[in-house]
Every structure is written in structure tokens, then in C-alpha cells.
């Protein structure tokens, strides 16, 4: 990938993780051998933050992602971490770069919980379609990271136009069990390992409803009905429970993933549209002993807001997509507002290479739809729909998603209220490094496809 000179601050060697040599005693070696049989450790992240500067954003309106709002606020970060968030009286240490934020807004970095960037990259051609292994109804053995193409220009578009600093890449929804997701930091990298969010848990992508039964029913195989969907799922979980309790003498990659879910080490992100099916999935989860972290798309979530809240399940939704297939027919634009009114966890997601560039605007649309029916949700709470709540459902809220001391300095300075259609990111920091600056051509990362070919555009 070609990046702007201002971003070439680290050598390619910094994208490769340092090898750690650990000596093990006999007991440690036995434990290590047992753990390896039980399931693979995640492929190592070699992510290393780009170098940043000690920075103070002064005078902006701050939305902290947790429902807090500070007028004329101050945000301090250094060494990649947030070190201070407060009002105008917060002291700025000597040596910090001061950035005037008067009339502007600061939020945590935007997070998309449902993206297919890299696995369905641009240009959208069959050769690049690597997001769904539709050769079996259940493919928990595949991992999205093994398909991610880091040069997808969608990554830089999401950074510059949408302020996206972290995103979860999911397999597609043609299968009941589509495989593992991967969570990425939205940074230029030659490898997916160099983008992998350090310490982020994996998720299992599941799907219910029309997609699996249509794909496999069309091949005259099970499942071809919704009851077939549940039958195949339940048997897969029963087999996984036996595997979990066994000696792992013979490794099974798919069952490794399902075992991780049963142990609570791998989260579940479940594509599901209809309220009745979401309720059925929750029953299946209780039967088999796992937890659903979030229902994605969830266009009928408003019908069971109380059930989602009681089970601590987030609804990752669009603002107003509906009606493009039968199970989406009852989608309503007031979905997010009705969920929020009941105290359920709301996330605005994209599932789209264009939508990821305007998650803030999509959240504002959902907020406006609620206001029209008398549900007035504060701006500061709505910002959490595309920051903190997404981080929570991805298992990374202890590291990012809100402006709190000690967290990663993933920060966006907007040129106006982020819930306005007229506002855009002005500056974006990831781990305290300024990776995008609308006023600095050196900090506008581009991919090969945006640069063009030799003899075209800026390429020499």
C-alpha cells in the first residue's frame, strides 16, 4: 500500500511483531501442550501505533461517548493514551501541542461493529469476493482475517469521511455459522496482522432467517426452512459440547471456535431480522449454554426491547433500511428510539462500504425519527450509538469507545456538531497519532487505487 509521506513514520519492520522467547518448565510445557490441543491462540497482532505528539484540544464541545457533554472542554493525550478530559480549567502541561477547538466538537473515534471492508473490498469484482465460505451451512472453522485485503480503499474512506478508528470485519450471512470475525484498528498497514486490534476477542458470526435457508434450500439440501435452520444449529452446538468435554486428541478447527463461545472467550454476533426469531435464538443460547452479544440488522428489535434489555443483548441496526426482503418488511425508522426508550443497548452499524462513511449522520437520522414521535434522545447519548456501545459489544470498551483517562487516544475533532449533515471530521487521531488532517495533504492516507496508475493523477 502506498501512503502519504507524512504517514511513513515507521519502517516496515515495525509492522512485524517482536518474537518473545519464553522458557517453560515441565509443568508449563504440559499446560501449553494441553492449551494448544484445546484450541489455537489468536494469530498474533503486530499492530504498533504510529508515533504521535502530546496534544491538547482546547475549547471544543466534548461528547465523551458515555452520555457526558462538556462545553468549552479540554482533552489531553500523550504516549497514545488519554490523560485528561475536563473543562476550561483543566491545566495543560508544558510541551503539549495546543489545538484550538472553539466552535468545534470532539468525540471518541467512530467504531463500526458490522463491516465487510477488506473481505468484500473495492473494486467489487468476483476475484475480491472473499467474505462468505458458502460451501456448508456451518463454517465456524474459517476466520475473516484470512481474507482481509489491507489495501481496500474503503479503509481510508472510512477514516477520512467517517472518523472510523476501529471496526469489526465479519464474514457474510449466507451461512448459519459464518466463521470468526476480526477487529481492526483503521491504520495503513501492509498486513492484516499490522491492523489487528491488540487484545480484542474474536466473535462468531451467526445468521438466522431467510439467507441460510435460501442459499442451501436452493441446492436442495438442509436447511431449507426456519426449522431446518435451528435443527442444524442445535446439532452443531451439541457436537461442540461433546468436543469441549473431550480430550481433544483430534483437533477440529470449527469446534475450536464453538468451544471458545461456550467458554465465553468468543462473542456471538447474530444476523437476525424478525423479533420472533431473535426470541428463538435466545432460547437456543440458553439451552446450549452460550450468550448472544448482539443481534445485527435487527429491524424488528423494537418489538422485543424489553427482552433484549433483560438478556443484556445489544441491537446493532441501520437507521431506516427496510423492506428489501420479507423479513425486513416490518422495519421502522423509529426502531433505535424505541429501543433507547426502553433502556436497551443501541448501536448504529453500516454493513456497507458507503454507510461506514456516515455512521454519525445515520445516528442523527434515527434520533430525528424518534423525536417525531415524542422520544427526545440527547445528542450525547446518541454519540454513544456509534462509539461506546459498539466497543462494548465488541469486547473492547475497556480500551476504546469513550473519552476516559487511560484509554487509547482514538479521537475525532469535527468541524461542527457530528449529528449535523454539514459536519465532517477535521482531524482524526488513532492511539494519539494524527492520521488524518483535512487541512494537511500529507495526512490524507490513500491506497493504490486512489493514487491511480503510473502516468495518471499524482503518480509519477
Protein backbone atom coordinates (compact mmCIF):
# COMPACT_ATOMS: atom_id res chain seq x y z
CA UNK A 1 0.00 0.00 0.00
CA UNK A 2 1.26 3.50 -0.79
CA UNK A 3 0.69 6.06 1.93
CA UNK A 4 1.37 9.76 2.13
CA UNK A 5 4.91 10.71 3.19
CA UNK A 6 3.64 12.18 6.46
CA UNK A 7 2.38 8.78 7.45
CA UNK A 8 5.63 6.96 6.68
CA UNK A 9 6.93 7.46 10.17
CA UNK A 10 7.74 3.88 10.91
CA UNK A 11 9.63 1.33 8.92
CA UNK A 12 8.07 -1.82 7.55
CA UNK A 13 9.93 -3.63 10.31
CA UNK A 14 7.66 -2.00 12.89
CA UNK A 15 4.72 -3.86 11.37
CA UNK A 16 6.27 -7.16 12.38
CA UNK A 17 5.77 -8.28 15.97
CA UNK A 18 8.83 -8.84 18.12
CA UNK A 19 9.29 -12.53 18.82
CA UNK A 20 9.09 -13.33 22.51
CA UNK A 21 11.18 -16.21 23.76
CA UNK A 22 9.59 -17.84 26.79
CA UNK A 23 11.12 -20.76 28.56
CA UNK A 24 8.71 -23.18 30.17
CA UNK A 25 9.20 -25.63 32.98
CA UNK A 26 7.95 -29.18 32.56
CA UNK A 27 4.61 -28.27 34.12
CA UNK A 28 4.29 -25.16 31.95
CA UNK A 29 5.11 -27.18 28.84
CA UNK A 30 2.37 -29.69 29.64
CA UNK A 31 -0.12 -26.89 30.16
CA UNK A 32 0.96 -25.27 26.87
CA UNK A 33 0.53 -28.58 25.03
CA UNK A 34 -2.93 -29.03 26.52
CA UNK A 35 -3.94 -25.49 25.61
CA UNK A 36 -2.79 -25.96 22.02
CA UNK A 37 -4.89 -29.08 21.72
CA UNK A 38 -7.90 -27.27 23.18
CA UNK A 39 -7.74 -24.51 20.60
CA UNK A 40 -5.44 -22.12 18.80
CA UNK A 41 -4.21 -18.89 20.29
CA UNK A 42 -5.19 -15.94 18.09
CA UNK A 43 -2.85 -15.20 15.22
CA UNK A 44 -0.51 -12.62 16.68
CA UNK A 45 -1.27 -8.94 16.23
CA UNK A 46 1.79 -6.99 15.14
CA UNK A 47 -0.03 -3.69 15.48
CA UNK A 48 2.23 -0.87 16.60
CA UNK A 49 0.81 2.64 16.94
CA UNK A 50 2.15 5.32 14.67
CA UNK A 51 4.14 7.91 16.67
CA UNK A 52 2.15 10.86 17.98
CA UNK A 53 2.69 14.08 19.88
CA UNK A 54 1.47 15.27 23.26
CA UNK A 55 -1.70 17.14 22.31
CA UNK A 56 -4.31 19.37 23.94
CA UNK A 57 -7.65 20.04 22.24
CA UNK A 58 -8.96 23.23 23.78
CA UNK A 59 -12.34 24.97 23.70
CA UNK A 60 -14.44 22.38 21.87
CA UNK A 61 -17.72 20.80 22.91
CA UNK A 62 -16.89 17.29 24.11
CA UNK A 63 -19.13 14.25 23.81
CA UNK A 64 -17.40 11.54 25.84
CA UNK A 65 -19.34 8.55 24.39
CA UNK A 66 -20.85 7.64 27.76
CA UNK A 67 -23.59 10.27 27.72
CA UNK A 68 -21.46 13.12 29.02
CA UNK A 69 -21.18 16.56 27.44
CA UNK A 70 -18.66 19.26 28.32
CA UNK A 71 -18.86 22.77 26.89
CA UNK A 72 -15.61 24.65 26.30
CA UNK A 73 -13.78 21.45 27.18
CA UNK A 74 -10.22 20.21 27.14
CA UNK A 75 -8.91 16.83 26.00
CA UNK A 76 -5.31 15.84 26.72
CA UNK A 77 -3.43 12.87 25.34
CA UNK A 78 0.16 11.72 25.14
CA UNK A 79 2.04 8.48 24.55
CA UNK A 80 -1.04 7.11 22.81
CA UNK A 81 -3.32 7.43 25.85
CA UNK A 82 -5.95 9.87 27.06
CA UNK A 83 -4.59 11.59 30.15
CA UNK A 84 -7.16 14.27 30.88
CA UNK A 85 -10.75 15.23 29.98
CA UNK A 86 -12.34 18.24 31.59
CA UNK A 87 -13.46 21.83 31.35
CA UNK A 88 -11.62 25.03 30.55
CA UNK A 89 -9.96 24.92 33.97
CA UNK A 90 -8.08 21.70 33.19
CA UNK A 91 -4.40 22.58 33.19
CA UNK A 92 -2.42 21.91 30.03
CA UNK A 93 1.04 20.54 30.78
CA UNK A 94 4.08 22.22 29.30
CA UNK A 95 5.20 20.86 25.96
CA UNK A 96 1.74 19.88 24.69
CA UNK A 97 0.68 20.98 21.20
CA UNK A 98 -2.39 23.18 21.59
CA UNK A 99 -5.19 22.86 19.03
CA UNK A 100 -7.95 25.46 19.07
CA UNK A 101 -11.28 23.65 19.08
CA UNK A 102 -13.58 26.63 19.60
CA UNK A 103 -16.82 26.14 17.68
CA UNK A 104 -15.93 22.50 17.02
CA UNK A 105 -16.76 19.16 18.61
CA UNK A 106 -14.72 16.26 19.96
CA UNK A 107 -15.88 12.64 20.16
CA UNK A 108 -14.25 9.26 20.64
CA UNK A 109 -13.20 7.59 17.41
CA UNK A 110 -16.14 6.16 15.47
CA UNK A 111 -16.48 2.37 15.67
CA UNK A 112 -18.34 0.16 13.19
CA UNK A 113 -19.39 -3.18 14.66
CA UNK A 114 -20.51 -4.61 11.31
CA UNK A 115 -18.25 -4.14 8.31
CA UNK A 116 -17.09 -6.26 5.38
CA UNK A 117 -14.24 -3.98 4.30
CA UNK A 118 -11.25 -5.97 3.19
CA UNK A 119 -13.20 -9.20 2.65
CA UNK A 120 -15.52 -7.60 0.06
CA UNK A 121 -13.16 -4.80 -0.99
CA UNK A 122 -13.25 -2.35 -3.85
CA UNK A 123 -13.04 -2.85 -6.75
CA UNK A 124 -16.08 -5.08 -6.29
CA UNK A 125 -15.24 -7.97 -8.57
CA UNK A 126 -15.59 -11.71 -8.14
CA UNK A 127 -11.84 -12.10 -7.65
CA UNK A 128 -12.10 -9.99 -4.48
CA UNK A 129 -15.27 -11.60 -3.04
CA UNK A 130 -13.81 -13.47 -0.07
CA UNK A 131 -16.31 -12.77 2.69
CA UNK A 132 -18.52 -15.86 2.77
CA UNK A 133 -17.48 -19.51 2.54
CA UNK A 134 -20.87 -20.72 1.29
CA UNK A 135 -19.92 -24.35 0.84
CA UNK A 136 -21.57 -25.63 4.02
CA UNK A 137 -24.37 -24.30 6.27
CA UNK A 138 -21.92 -24.11 9.18
CA UNK A 139 -18.35 -22.91 8.68
CA UNK A 140 -17.14 -21.85 12.14
CA UNK A 141 -13.67 -23.01 11.07
CA UNK A 142 -13.00 -20.02 8.79
CA UNK A 143 -11.55 -16.72 10.02
CA UNK A 144 -12.32 -13.38 8.37
CA UNK A 145 -8.76 -12.15 8.90
CA UNK A 146 -7.50 -14.72 6.40
CA UNK A 147 -9.44 -12.88 3.68
CA UNK A 148 -8.83 -9.24 4.66
CA UNK A 149 -7.04 -7.20 1.99
CA UNK A 150 -5.43 -4.23 3.77
CA UNK A 151 -5.27 -2.16 0.57
CA UNK A 152 -9.05 -1.86 0.31
CA UNK A 153 -9.59 1.88 -0.33
CA UNK A 154 -12.68 1.61 1.85
CA UNK A 155 -10.48 1.77 4.94
CA UNK A 156 -9.09 5.19 4.12
CA UNK A 157 -12.50 6.47 3.04
CA UNK A 158 -13.95 5.38 6.39
CA UNK A 159 -11.13 7.16 8.23
CA UNK A 160 -11.31 10.45 6.34
CA UNK A 161 -15.04 10.78 5.74
CA UNK A 162 -16.42 8.94 8.76
CA UNK A 163 -13.84 9.28 11.53
CA UNK A 164 -13.73 5.49 11.88
CA UNK A 165 -10.83 4.40 14.08
CA UNK A 166 -11.81 0.76 14.80
CA UNK A 167 -14.06 -1.72 13.02
CA UNK A 168 -15.13 -5.34 13.21
CA UNK A 169 -14.84 -7.32 9.98
CA UNK A 170 -17.44 -10.07 9.78
CA UNK A 171 -17.97 -12.98 7.40
CA UNK A 172 -21.14 -12.80 5.32
CA UNK A 173 -24.57 -14.09 6.33
CA UNK A 174 -25.17 -16.91 3.82
CA UNK A 175 -24.34 -19.49 6.50
CA UNK A 176 -25.86 -20.29 9.87
CA UNK A 177 -22.34 -20.08 11.29
CA UNK A 178 -20.12 -17.97 9.06
CA UNK A 179 -16.85 -18.03 10.99
CA UNK A 180 -14.76 -15.77 13.17
CA UNK A 181 -14.66 -12.00 12.92
CA UNK A 182 -11.58 -9.84 13.35
CA UNK A 183 -11.38 -6.40 14.96
CA UNK A 184 -9.04 -3.91 13.32
CA UNK A 185 -7.51 -0.54 14.04
CA UNK A 186 -8.11 1.59 10.96
CA UNK A 187 -4.47 2.30 10.13
CA UNK A 188 -2.41 1.93 6.96
CA UNK A 189 -0.64 -1.42 7.05
CA UNK A 190 0.97 -3.88 4.68
CA UNK A 191 -0.60 -6.82 6.54
CA UNK A 192 -3.80 -7.58 8.39
CA UNK A 193 -1.70 -8.53 11.43
CA UNK A 194 -0.48 -4.94 11.47
CA UNK A 195 -4.10 -3.76 11.77
CA UNK A 196 -5.37 -6.27 14.33
CA UNK A 197 -6.69 -4.58 17.45
CA UNK A 198 -4.44 -5.82 20.27
CA UNK A 199 -6.29 -7.92 22.82
CA UNK A 200 -9.67 -7.79 21.08
CA UNK A 201 -11.70 -11.00 21.44
CA UNK A 202 -12.90 -12.90 18.44
CA UNK A 203 -16.60 -13.12 17.62
CA UNK A 204 -18.54 -15.88 15.87
CA UNK A 205 -20.78 -14.59 13.08
CA UNK A 206 -24.12 -16.40 13.03
CA UNK A 207 -27.20 -15.84 10.89
CA UNK A 208 -30.82 -16.86 11.03
CA UNK A 209 -33.83 -16.41 8.79
CA UNK A 210 -34.01 -16.12 5.03
CA UNK A 211 -30.36 -16.13 3.99
CA UNK A 212 -29.22 -19.63 5.07
CA UNK A 213 -32.47 -21.34 4.13
CA UNK A 214 -32.48 -19.64 0.73
CA UNK A 215 -28.85 -20.43 -0.06
CA UNK A 216 -28.95 -24.09 0.91
CA UNK A 217 -32.60 -24.77 0.15
CA UNK A 218 -31.88 -23.69 -3.41
CA UNK A 219 -29.34 -26.53 -3.51
CA UNK A 220 -31.98 -28.97 -2.30
CA UNK A 221 -30.22 -29.51 0.99
CA UNK A 222 -30.85 -28.77 4.64
CA UNK A 223 -31.68 -26.17 5.82
CA UNK A 224 -34.48 -25.10 3.52
CA UNK A 225 -36.80 -23.87 6.27
CA UNK A 226 -36.51 -21.93 9.51
CA UNK A 227 -36.99 -25.13 11.49
CA UNK A 228 -34.14 -26.59 9.47
CA UNK A 229 -32.01 -23.62 10.48
CA UNK A 230 -32.49 -24.34 14.15
CA UNK A 231 -32.05 -28.07 13.73
CA UNK A 232 -28.64 -27.67 12.07
CA UNK A 233 -27.56 -25.07 14.63
CA UNK A 234 -28.60 -27.16 17.63
CA UNK A 235 -26.82 -30.25 16.37
CA UNK A 236 -23.67 -28.23 15.79
CA UNK A 237 -23.80 -26.96 19.36
CA UNK A 238 -24.43 -30.45 20.76
CA UNK A 239 -21.40 -31.73 18.87
CA UNK A 240 -19.35 -28.82 20.15
CA UNK A 241 -20.31 -29.54 23.75
CA UNK A 242 -19.08 -33.12 23.38
CA UNK A 243 -15.86 -31.83 21.87
CA UNK A 244 -15.42 -29.34 24.72
CA UNK A 245 -15.70 -32.13 27.28
CA UNK A 246 -13.38 -34.47 25.36
CA UNK A 247 -9.63 -34.88 25.32
CA UNK A 248 -9.02 -33.01 22.04
CA UNK A 249 -6.92 -35.87 20.76
CA UNK A 250 -8.03 -34.83 17.28
CA UNK A 251 -8.25 -31.11 16.59
CA UNK A 252 -11.31 -29.69 14.81
CA UNK A 253 -11.00 -26.04 13.76
CA UNK A 254 -14.74 -25.41 13.69
CA UNK A 255 -15.34 -26.97 17.09
CA UNK A 256 -12.40 -24.98 18.47
CA UNK A 257 -14.37 -21.83 17.66
CA UNK A 258 -17.62 -23.15 19.13
CA UNK A 259 -15.80 -24.31 22.24
CA UNK A 260 -14.44 -20.78 22.63
CA UNK A 261 -18.01 -19.47 22.51
CA UNK A 262 -19.17 -21.99 25.12
CA UNK A 263 -16.29 -20.93 27.38
CA UNK A 264 -17.23 -17.27 26.99
CA UNK A 265 -13.95 -16.44 25.25
CA UNK A 266 -15.51 -15.77 21.83
CA UNK A 267 -18.50 -13.45 21.44
CA UNK A 268 -21.55 -14.06 19.24
CA UNK A 269 -22.69 -11.54 16.64
CA UNK A 270 -26.00 -12.82 15.24
CA UNK A 271 -27.55 -11.57 11.98
CA UNK A 272 -31.32 -11.68 12.63
CA UNK A 273 -34.27 -9.58 11.43
CA UNK A 274 -37.52 -10.81 12.96
CA UNK A 275 -38.46 -10.41 16.61
CA UNK A 276 -39.82 -13.96 16.91
CA UNK A 277 -36.58 -15.43 15.58
CA UNK A 278 -34.44 -13.37 17.93
CA UNK A 279 -36.51 -14.75 20.81
CA UNK A 280 -36.00 -18.29 19.47
CA UNK A 281 -32.24 -17.72 19.23
CA UNK A 282 -32.14 -16.53 22.83
CA UNK A 283 -33.89 -19.75 23.87
CA UNK A 284 -31.37 -21.80 21.89
CA UNK A 285 -28.49 -19.90 23.50
CA UNK A 286 -29.83 -20.71 26.95
CA UNK A 287 -30.33 -24.35 26.00
CA UNK A 288 -26.77 -24.71 24.72
CA UNK A 289 -25.04 -22.52 27.28
CA UNK A 290 -23.76 -19.51 25.32
CA UNK A 291 -24.60 -15.81 25.17
CA UNK A 292 -25.60 -13.65 22.23
CA UNK A 293 -23.68 -10.38 22.41
CA UNK A 294 -25.60 -8.51 19.71
CA UNK A 295 -28.28 -9.04 17.09
CA UNK A 296 -27.30 -7.37 13.84
CA UNK A 297 -29.74 -5.61 11.50
CA UNK A 298 -32.50 -6.47 13.99
CA UNK A 299 -35.15 -4.45 12.15
CA UNK A 300 -37.87 -5.75 14.50
CA UNK A 301 -35.86 -5.27 17.69
CA UNK A 302 -38.30 -2.58 18.83
CA UNK A 303 -40.93 -5.29 19.34
CA UNK A 304 -38.80 -7.07 21.97
CA UNK A 305 -36.83 -4.19 23.50
CA UNK A 306 -37.66 -5.43 27.00
CA UNK A 307 -36.40 -8.94 26.19
CA UNK A 308 -33.14 -7.62 24.74
CA UNK A 309 -32.56 -5.44 27.78
CA UNK A 310 -33.30 -8.30 30.18
CA UNK A 311 -30.78 -10.52 28.38
CA UNK A 312 -28.16 -7.75 28.02
CA UNK A 313 -28.13 -8.07 24.22
CA UNK A 314 -27.35 -5.10 22.01
CA UNK A 315 -29.21 -4.31 18.80
CA UNK A 316 -26.84 -3.25 16.00
CA UNK A 317 -29.12 -1.66 13.44
CA UNK A 318 -29.48 0.63 10.45
CA UNK A 319 -31.29 3.90 10.86
CA UNK A 320 -34.01 3.15 8.32
CA UNK A 321 -33.25 0.27 5.93
CA UNK A 322 -36.31 -1.91 5.49
CA UNK A 323 -38.50 -3.78 3.04
CA UNK A 324 -35.85 -5.16 0.70
CA UNK A 325 -36.91 -8.70 1.61
CA UNK A 326 -39.84 -10.19 3.53
CA UNK A 327 -38.11 -10.43 6.89
CA UNK A 328 -37.25 -6.73 6.60
CA UNK A 329 -40.82 -5.68 5.86
CA UNK A 330 -41.66 -4.58 9.42
CA UNK A 331 -38.60 -2.39 9.83
CA UNK A 332 -39.44 1.12 11.03
CA UNK A 333 -37.25 4.25 11.29
CA UNK A 334 -38.23 4.67 14.96
CA UNK A 335 -36.51 1.38 15.87
CA UNK A 336 -33.48 2.93 17.61
CA UNK A 337 -35.53 5.46 19.54
CA UNK A 338 -37.98 2.85 20.84
CA UNK A 339 -35.09 0.63 21.93
CA UNK A 340 -33.41 3.53 23.70
CA UNK A 341 -36.64 4.48 25.45
CA UNK A 342 -36.74 1.00 26.99
CA UNK A 343 -33.11 1.22 28.07
CA UNK A 344 -31.82 -1.34 25.58
CA UNK A 345 -28.35 -1.11 24.06
CA UNK A 346 -28.44 0.61 20.64
CA UNK A 347 -25.68 0.52 18.03
CA UNK A 348 -25.75 2.06 14.58
CA UNK A 349 -23.83 -0.14 12.14
CA UNK A 350 -23.10 0.07 8.42
CA UNK A 351 -22.84 -3.33 6.67
CA UNK A 352 -21.86 -1.14 3.73
CA UNK A 353 -18.73 0.47 2.32
CA UNK A 354 -20.57 3.76 1.87
CA UNK A 355 -22.64 3.74 5.06
CA UNK A 356 -19.48 3.35 7.16
CA UNK A 357 -18.51 6.85 6.00
CA UNK A 358 -21.53 8.45 7.69
CA UNK A 359 -22.46 6.50 10.80
CA UNK A 360 -22.78 9.83 12.62
CA UNK A 361 -25.40 11.01 10.12
CA UNK A 362 -27.26 7.69 10.29
CA UNK A 363 -27.43 8.02 14.08
CA UNK A 364 -28.76 11.56 13.70
CA UNK A 365 -31.47 10.31 11.36
CA UNK A 366 -32.53 7.68 13.89
CA UNK A 367 -32.58 10.34 16.60
CA UNK A 368 -34.77 12.60 14.45
CA UNK A 369 -37.23 9.79 13.73
CA UNK A 370 -37.63 9.29 17.47
CA UNK A 371 -38.20 12.98 18.07
CA UNK A 372 -41.07 12.95 15.60
CA UNK A 373 -42.95 10.50 17.83
CA UNK A 374 -42.10 12.29 21.05
CA UNK A 375 -38.92 10.45 22.08
CA UNK A 376 -36.25 13.09 22.61
CA UNK A 377 -32.82 11.50 22.99
CA UNK A 378 -29.93 13.80 23.96
CA UNK A 379 -27.11 14.25 21.46
CA UNK A 380 -24.56 12.99 23.98
CA UNK A 381 -26.42 9.68 24.28
CA UNK A 382 -26.76 9.29 20.52
CA UNK A 383 -22.99 9.68 20.05
CA UNK A 384 -22.63 6.51 22.14
CA UNK A 385 -24.55 4.61 19.45
CA UNK A 386 -21.52 4.73 17.15
CA UNK A 387 -18.76 4.81 19.77
CA UNK A 388 -19.05 3.26 23.24
CA UNK A 389 -21.93 0.84 22.65
CA UNK A 390 -20.16 -0.64 19.62
CA UNK A 391 -16.98 -1.04 21.66
CA UNK A 392 -18.93 -2.74 24.43
CA UNK A 393 -20.46 -5.31 22.08
CA UNK A 394 -17.04 -5.97 20.51
CA UNK A 395 -15.38 -6.57 23.88
CA UNK A 396 -13.03 -3.59 23.63
CA UNK A 397 -14.81 -0.97 25.76
CA UNK A 398 -12.07 -1.19 28.38
CA UNK A 399 -9.62 0.12 25.78
CA UNK A 400 -11.55 2.48 23.49
CA UNK A 401 -15.02 3.80 22.66
CA UNK A 402 -15.12 6.66 25.16
CA UNK A 403 -13.03 9.62 26.26
CA UNK A 404 -11.79 8.40 29.62
CA UNK A 405 -8.38 8.58 31.21
CA UNK A 406 -6.10 5.67 30.39
CA UNK A 407 -7.93 4.60 27.25
CA UNK A 408 -6.49 4.66 23.74
CA UNK A 409 -6.35 8.17 22.33
CA UNK A 410 -8.77 7.40 19.48
CA UNK A 411 -10.22 10.87 18.95
CA UNK A 412 -12.11 12.82 16.28
CA UNK A 413 -12.24 16.61 16.02
CA UNK A 414 -15.32 17.55 13.98
CA UNK A 415 -15.74 20.89 12.24
CA UNK A 416 -19.28 21.10 13.65
CA UNK A 417 -21.83 19.06 15.57
CA UNK A 418 -21.25 15.43 14.47
CA UNK A 419 -25.01 14.94 14.32
CA UNK A 420 -25.31 17.55 11.58
CA UNK A 421 -25.31 16.59 7.91
CA UNK A 422 -22.95 19.50 7.32
CA UNK A 423 -20.22 18.27 9.67
CA UNK A 424 -17.15 16.27 8.75
CA UNK A 425 -14.06 15.03 10.56
CA UNK A 426 -11.39 17.70 10.59
CA UNK A 427 -8.72 15.66 12.36
CA UNK A 428 -8.57 12.00 13.41
CA UNK A 429 -6.11 10.52 15.88
CA UNK A 430 -5.59 6.80 16.44
CA UNK A 431 -3.62 5.96 19.57
CA UNK A 432 -2.62 9.60 19.72
CA UNK A 433 -1.17 9.69 16.19
CA UNK A 434 -2.66 12.24 13.79
CA UNK A 435 -3.58 10.02 10.85
CA UNK A 436 -5.94 12.41 9.08
CA UNK A 437 -5.96 16.18 8.84
CA UNK A 438 -8.34 17.81 6.39
CA UNK A 439 -6.00 20.80 6.17
CA UNK A 440 -2.79 18.86 5.58
CA UNK A 441 -2.29 16.95 2.30
CA UNK A 442 0.46 14.93 3.97
CA UNK A 443 -2.09 13.41 6.32
CA UNK A 444 -4.64 12.14 3.83
CA UNK A 445 -3.82 8.44 3.51
CA UNK A 446 -4.58 6.90 0.14
CA UNK A 447 -4.44 3.45 -1.38
CA UNK A 448 -3.01 2.35 -4.71
CA UNK A 449 -6.43 2.63 -6.33
CA UNK A 450 -6.92 6.20 -5.17
CA UNK A 451 -3.47 7.16 -6.45
CA UNK A 452 -4.14 5.66 -9.86
CA UNK A 453 -1.64 4.03 -12.16
CA UNK A 454 1.69 5.38 -13.41
CA UNK A 455 1.01 8.27 -15.75
CA UNK A 456 -2.31 9.08 -14.06
CA UNK A 457 -3.09 11.66 -11.42
CA UNK A 458 -0.36 12.25 -8.85
CA UNK A 459 1.57 9.06 -9.54
CA UNK A 460 4.98 9.75 -11.07
